[in-house]
Amino acid sequence: MTDWTGPPPLGVVVDLDDTLYPQAHYLASAAAAVGTAAQQVGLNGASVHAALCAQLAAGSDAGGTIDRALLAAGVPPADLPRYVPALVRAFTSHVPPALAPYPGVEIALRDLAAAAPLGCLTDGDPGIQAAKLTATGLAPLLPIVVVTDAVGGRGARKPHPQGLLTVAERLGAPADRLLVIGDRPGKDVAVAAAVGARAIRIRQGEYAAAPDEPRAWAVTDCFPAAAELALGVLRLGTAVTH
């Protein structure tokens, strides 16, 4: 049983990557685009593609991923400046044709939007994140989207509170009265804690096995279950069972 003490939240903030859709699908698509670009500039596109997939699997938000992939594919360090800019452009400008949300996400978002102000807070390059959201088809359900990099650069990425404070302002709710739903304890749960809010952690995607630290108010295995918990406190403000 998960007990909610105090007044119910006045708004819900959701993460994007690995919360609403599987980020691995986007990364696979972008890596293929980089492989094609590598072939066009005279490299072995298949080798670069395979090396980039391996680097992304080891940690998708680490910097210098394409540099490391080229080195792993046998490109001499001295040649990196010749190839990296074009391949980075191929990655950042990639527009995926479609990204299927996790099952039940669309209905869950509609239910949340009917119950309380709803926003999205996501890290990353603004152009990339916008392309992802469009590809999911969920953009019409999320009228307020804040990309932390657009607010304050990489330094504003979660768990820095700046992005969540911006969402709160746009939602018209105090930051500590928001309920955050996301997959990463070190980002989504931590950013909620940074402003005195609470969070629901979803164990799915790249960080499904990450420890529950910091601890969330509740932990679930899918977005619809998280939305059900959120709706319980939004509508009732009483104890919720999960």
Protein backbone atom coordinates (compact mmCIF):
# COMPACT_ATOMS: atom_id res chain seq x y z
CA MET A 1 0.00 0.00 0.00
CA THR A 2 1.19 3.49 -0.86
CA ASP A 3 -0.19 6.22 1.35
CA TRP A 4 -0.41 9.81 0.20
CA THR A 5 -0.21 12.31 3.03
CA GLY A 6 -1.06 15.96 2.69
CA PRO A 7 -2.95 17.73 -0.09
CA PRO A 8 -3.17 16.06 -3.52
CA PRO A 9 -0.99 17.25 -6.40
CA LEU A 10 -2.14 20.10 -8.63
CA GLY A 11 -0.43 18.91 -11.79
CA VAL A 12 1.40 15.99 -13.35
CA VAL A 13 4.75 16.13 -15.17
CA VAL A 14 5.89 13.21 -17.33
CA ASP A 15 9.29 12.32 -18.74
CA LEU A 16 9.61 11.34 -22.42
CA ASP A 17 12.41 8.86 -23.16
CA ASP A 18 11.77 5.36 -21.80
CA THR A 19 8.69 6.69 -20.03
CA LEU A 20 6.27 7.25 -22.90
CA TYR A 21 8.07 5.22 -25.59
CA PRO A 22 11.12 2.89 -25.79
CA GLN A 23 14.14 5.11 -26.44
CA ALA A 24 16.02 2.13 -27.91
CA HIS A 25 13.78 2.41 -30.98
CA TYR A 26 14.88 6.00 -31.59
CA LEU A 27 18.54 5.20 -30.98
CA ALA A 28 18.44 2.31 -33.45
CA SER A 29 16.94 4.57 -36.10
CA ALA A 30 19.47 7.36 -35.47
CA ALA A 31 22.40 4.93 -35.48
CA ALA A 32 21.30 3.63 -38.87
CA ALA A 33 21.25 7.21 -40.19
CA VAL A 34 24.80 7.73 -38.93
CA GLY A 35 25.91 4.50 -40.61
CA THR A 36 24.50 5.73 -43.90
CA ALA A 37 26.26 9.09 -43.48
CA ALA A 38 29.53 7.31 -42.66
CA GLN A 39 29.30 5.32 -45.88
CA GLN A 40 28.73 8.54 -47.82
CA VAL A 41 31.95 10.12 -46.50
CA GLY A 42 34.06 7.09 -47.39
CA LEU A 43 34.00 5.06 -44.19
CA ASN A 44 32.75 1.54 -43.66
CA GLY A 45 29.16 2.36 -42.83
CA ALA A 46 28.35 -1.07 -41.44
CA SER A 47 31.32 -0.99 -39.06
CA VAL A 48 30.50 2.52 -37.85
CA HIS A 49 26.85 1.57 -37.39
CA ALA A 50 27.73 -1.52 -35.35
CA ALA A 51 30.25 0.39 -33.22
CA LEU A 52 27.77 3.19 -32.54
CA CYS A 53 25.06 0.72 -31.52
CA ALA A 54 27.51 -0.80 -29.04
CA GLN A 55 28.40 2.61 -27.60
CA LEU A 56 24.76 3.63 -27.25
CA ALA A 57 23.96 0.34 -25.53
CA ALA A 58 26.69 1.07 -23.01
CA GLY A 59 25.17 4.45 -22.10
CA SER A 60 22.96 6.54 -24.36
CA ASP A 61 23.46 9.91 -22.66
CA ALA A 62 27.26 9.85 -22.45
CA GLY A 63 29.11 12.54 -24.41
CA GLY A 64 31.51 11.76 -27.24
CA THR A 65 29.57 8.69 -28.37
CA ILE A 66 30.30 9.12 -32.08
CA ASP A 67 33.99 9.80 -31.41
CA ARG A 68 34.28 6.57 -29.46
CA ALA A 69 32.35 4.65 -32.10
CA LEU A 70 34.71 5.83 -34.85
CA LEU A 71 37.74 4.83 -32.80
CA ALA A 72 36.19 1.42 -32.16
CA ALA A 73 35.57 1.08 -35.91
CA GLY A 74 39.26 1.63 -36.58
CA VAL A 75 39.31 5.28 -37.57
CA PRO A 76 42.66 6.83 -36.53
CA PRO A 77 42.36 9.51 -33.82
CA ALA A 78 43.94 12.10 -36.10
CA ASP A 79 41.09 11.62 -38.61
CA LEU A 80 38.25 12.25 -36.16
CA PRO A 81 37.98 16.00 -36.90
CA ARG A 82 37.47 15.09 -40.55
CA TYR A 83 34.47 12.84 -39.93
CA VAL A 84 32.84 13.67 -36.60
CA PRO A 85 31.02 16.92 -37.55
CA ALA A 86 29.13 15.32 -40.45
CA LEU A 87 28.17 12.27 -38.42
CA VAL A 88 27.03 14.36 -35.47
CA ARG A 89 24.84 16.34 -37.87
CA ALA A 90 23.41 13.08 -39.21
CA PHE A 91 22.51 12.04 -35.67
CA THR A 92 21.09 15.35 -34.44
CA SER A 93 19.12 16.06 -37.62
CA HIS A 94 17.64 12.57 -37.87
CA VAL A 95 13.86 12.56 -37.96
CA PRO A 96 12.44 9.14 -37.11
CA PRO A 97 9.42 8.20 -39.24
CA ALA A 98 7.47 6.84 -36.28
CA LEU A 99 8.04 5.83 -32.66
CA ALA A 100 5.36 3.62 -31.14
CA PRO A 101 4.47 4.59 -27.54
CA TYR A 102 4.38 1.93 -24.86
CA PRO A 103 1.01 0.13 -24.70
CA GLY A 104 -1.71 2.15 -23.03
CA VAL A 105 0.24 5.41 -22.91
CA GLU A 106 -2.10 7.44 -25.12
CA ILE A 107 -5.21 6.54 -23.13
CA ALA A 108 -3.38 7.13 -19.83
CA LEU A 109 -2.25 10.59 -20.95
CA ARG A 110 -5.81 11.50 -21.96
CA ASP A 111 -7.08 10.44 -18.56
CA LEU A 112 -4.38 12.44 -16.77
CA ALA A 113 -5.03 15.54 -18.89
CA ALA A 114 -8.72 15.34 -18.00
CA ALA A 115 -7.91 15.23 -14.30
CA ALA A 116 -5.17 17.87 -13.89
CA PRO A 117 -2.78 20.18 -15.76
CA LEU A 118 -0.28 17.99 -17.61
CA GLY A 119 3.23 18.76 -18.82
CA CYS A 120 6.37 17.04 -20.07
CA LEU A 121 9.95 17.62 -18.91
CA THR A 122 12.73 16.04 -20.95
CA ASP A 123 16.50 16.33 -21.30
CA GLY A 124 18.38 16.58 -24.56
CA ASP A 125 18.89 18.55 -27.75
CA PRO A 126 15.64 20.51 -28.34
CA GLY A 127 15.45 19.55 -32.01
CA ILE A 128 15.97 15.86 -31.28
CA GLN A 129 13.41 15.81 -28.47
CA ALA A 130 10.85 17.62 -30.62
CA ALA A 131 11.36 15.10 -33.43
CA LYS A 132 10.93 12.20 -31.00
CA LEU A 133 7.73 13.61 -29.54
CA THR A 134 6.27 14.25 -33.00
CA ALA A 135 7.16 10.71 -34.08
CA THR A 136 5.28 9.24 -31.12
CA GLY A 137 2.08 11.04 -32.13
CA LEU A 138 1.65 12.17 -28.52
CA ALA A 139 2.43 15.87 -29.03
CA PRO A 140 -1.24 16.97 -29.12
CA LEU A 141 -1.73 15.45 -25.66
CA LEU A 142 1.17 17.43 -24.16
CA PRO A 143 0.59 21.14 -24.77
CA ILE A 144 3.35 22.08 -22.32
CA VAL A 145 6.76 20.58 -23.06
CA VAL A 146 9.98 21.87 -21.53
CA VAL A 147 13.33 20.66 -22.84
CA THR A 148 15.95 21.35 -20.18
CA ASP A 149 18.70 22.12 -22.70
CA ALA A 150 16.55 24.93 -24.11
CA VAL A 151 16.13 26.39 -20.62
CA GLY A 152 19.74 26.38 -19.47
CA GLY A 153 21.93 24.10 -21.59
CA ARG A 154 23.27 20.73 -20.50
CA GLY A 155 23.83 22.10 -17.00
CA ALA A 156 20.06 22.41 -16.57
CA ARG A 157 19.42 18.73 -17.18
CA LYS A 158 17.64 16.78 -14.48
CA PRO A 159 18.08 16.63 -11.52
CA HIS A 160 18.76 20.37 -11.76
CA PRO A 161 15.44 21.97 -10.70
CA GLN A 162 15.36 24.74 -13.32
CA GLY A 163 13.38 22.76 -15.87
CA LEU A 164 10.77 21.55 -13.39
CA LEU A 165 10.38 25.07 -12.02
CA THR A 166 9.73 26.24 -15.58
CA VAL A 167 7.09 23.56 -16.08
CA ALA A 168 5.45 24.53 -12.79
CA GLU A 169 5.27 28.16 -13.87
CA ARG A 170 3.69 27.23 -17.20
CA LEU A 171 1.22 24.89 -15.53
CA GLY A 172 0.30 27.55 -13.00
CA ALA A 173 0.98 25.27 -10.04
CA PRO A 174 3.52 25.41 -7.19
CA ALA A 175 6.47 23.16 -7.99
CA ASP A 176 6.10 21.23 -4.74
CA ARG A 177 2.50 20.36 -5.67
CA LEU A 178 3.48 18.51 -8.84
CA LEU A 179 3.66 14.75 -9.28
CA VAL A 180 6.48 13.61 -11.56
CA ILE A 181 6.34 10.35 -13.53
CA GLY A 182 9.57 9.00 -15.03
CA ASP A 183 11.89 6.04 -15.41
CA ARG A 184 15.15 7.29 -13.84
CA PRO A 185 15.57 7.64 -10.07
CA GLY A 186 18.68 9.79 -10.45
CA LYS A 187 16.88 12.22 -12.74
CA ASP A 188 13.08 12.11 -12.53
CA VAL A 189 12.76 11.16 -8.87
CA ALA A 190 15.68 13.38 -7.88
CA VAL A 191 14.36 16.47 -9.69
CA ALA A 192 11.02 16.07 -7.95
CA ALA A 193 12.78 15.85 -4.59
CA ALA A 194 14.80 18.95 -5.44
CA VAL A 195 11.64 21.09 -5.41
CA GLY A 196 9.82 19.25 -2.61
CA ALA A 197 7.54 17.31 -4.97
CA ARG A 198 6.88 13.58 -5.21
CA ALA A 199 7.47 11.12 -8.03
CA ILE A 200 6.37 7.78 -9.43
CA ARG A 201 9.22 5.73 -10.86
CA ILE A 202 8.57 3.33 -13.75
CA ARG A 203 10.91 0.34 -14.06
CA GLN A 204 11.28 0.08 -17.83
CA GLY A 205 13.75 0.96 -20.56
CA GLU A 206 17.50 1.42 -20.33
CA TYR A 207 17.50 2.11 -16.58
CA ALA A 208 14.93 -0.49 -15.53
CA ALA A 209 17.45 -2.21 -13.25
CA ALA A 210 18.75 0.99 -11.62
CA PRO A 211 18.38 1.05 -7.81
CA ASP A 212 15.42 2.97 -6.37
CA GLU A 213 17.62 5.75 -5.04
CA PRO A 214 16.48 8.31 -4.29
CA ARG A 215 13.24 6.62 -3.31
CA ALA A 216 10.09 7.55 -5.15
CA TRP A 217 6.63 7.86 -3.62
CA ALA A 218 5.67 4.80 -5.67
CA VAL A 219 7.23 2.37 -8.15
CA THR A 220 5.43 0.65 -11.04
CA ASP A 221 6.31 -1.41 -14.10
CA CYS A 222 4.45 0.55 -16.78
CA PHE A 223 3.04 3.99 -17.53
CA PRO A 224 -0.65 3.06 -17.32
CA ALA A 225 -0.08 1.72 -13.79
CA ALA A 226 1.70 4.93 -12.85
CA ALA A 227 -1.16 6.98 -14.29
CA GLU A 228 -3.66 4.94 -12.29
CA LEU A 229 -1.80 5.78 -9.09
CA ALA A 230 -1.63 9.44 -10.07
CA LEU A 231 -5.34 9.55 -10.87
CA GLY A 232 -6.10 8.04 -7.48
CA VAL A 233 -4.47 10.89 -5.58
CA LEU A 234 -5.63 13.53 -8.04
CA ARG A 235 -9.27 12.53 -7.68
CA LEU A 236 -9.42 11.26 -4.16
CA GLY A 237 -6.42 12.54 -2.21
CA THR A 238 -6.51 9.35 -0.17
CA ALA A 239 -4.46 6.17 0.15
CA VAL A 240 -3.80 4.37 -3.12
CA THR A 241 -3.02 0.69 -3.46
CA HIS A 242 -0.63 -0.65 -6.06
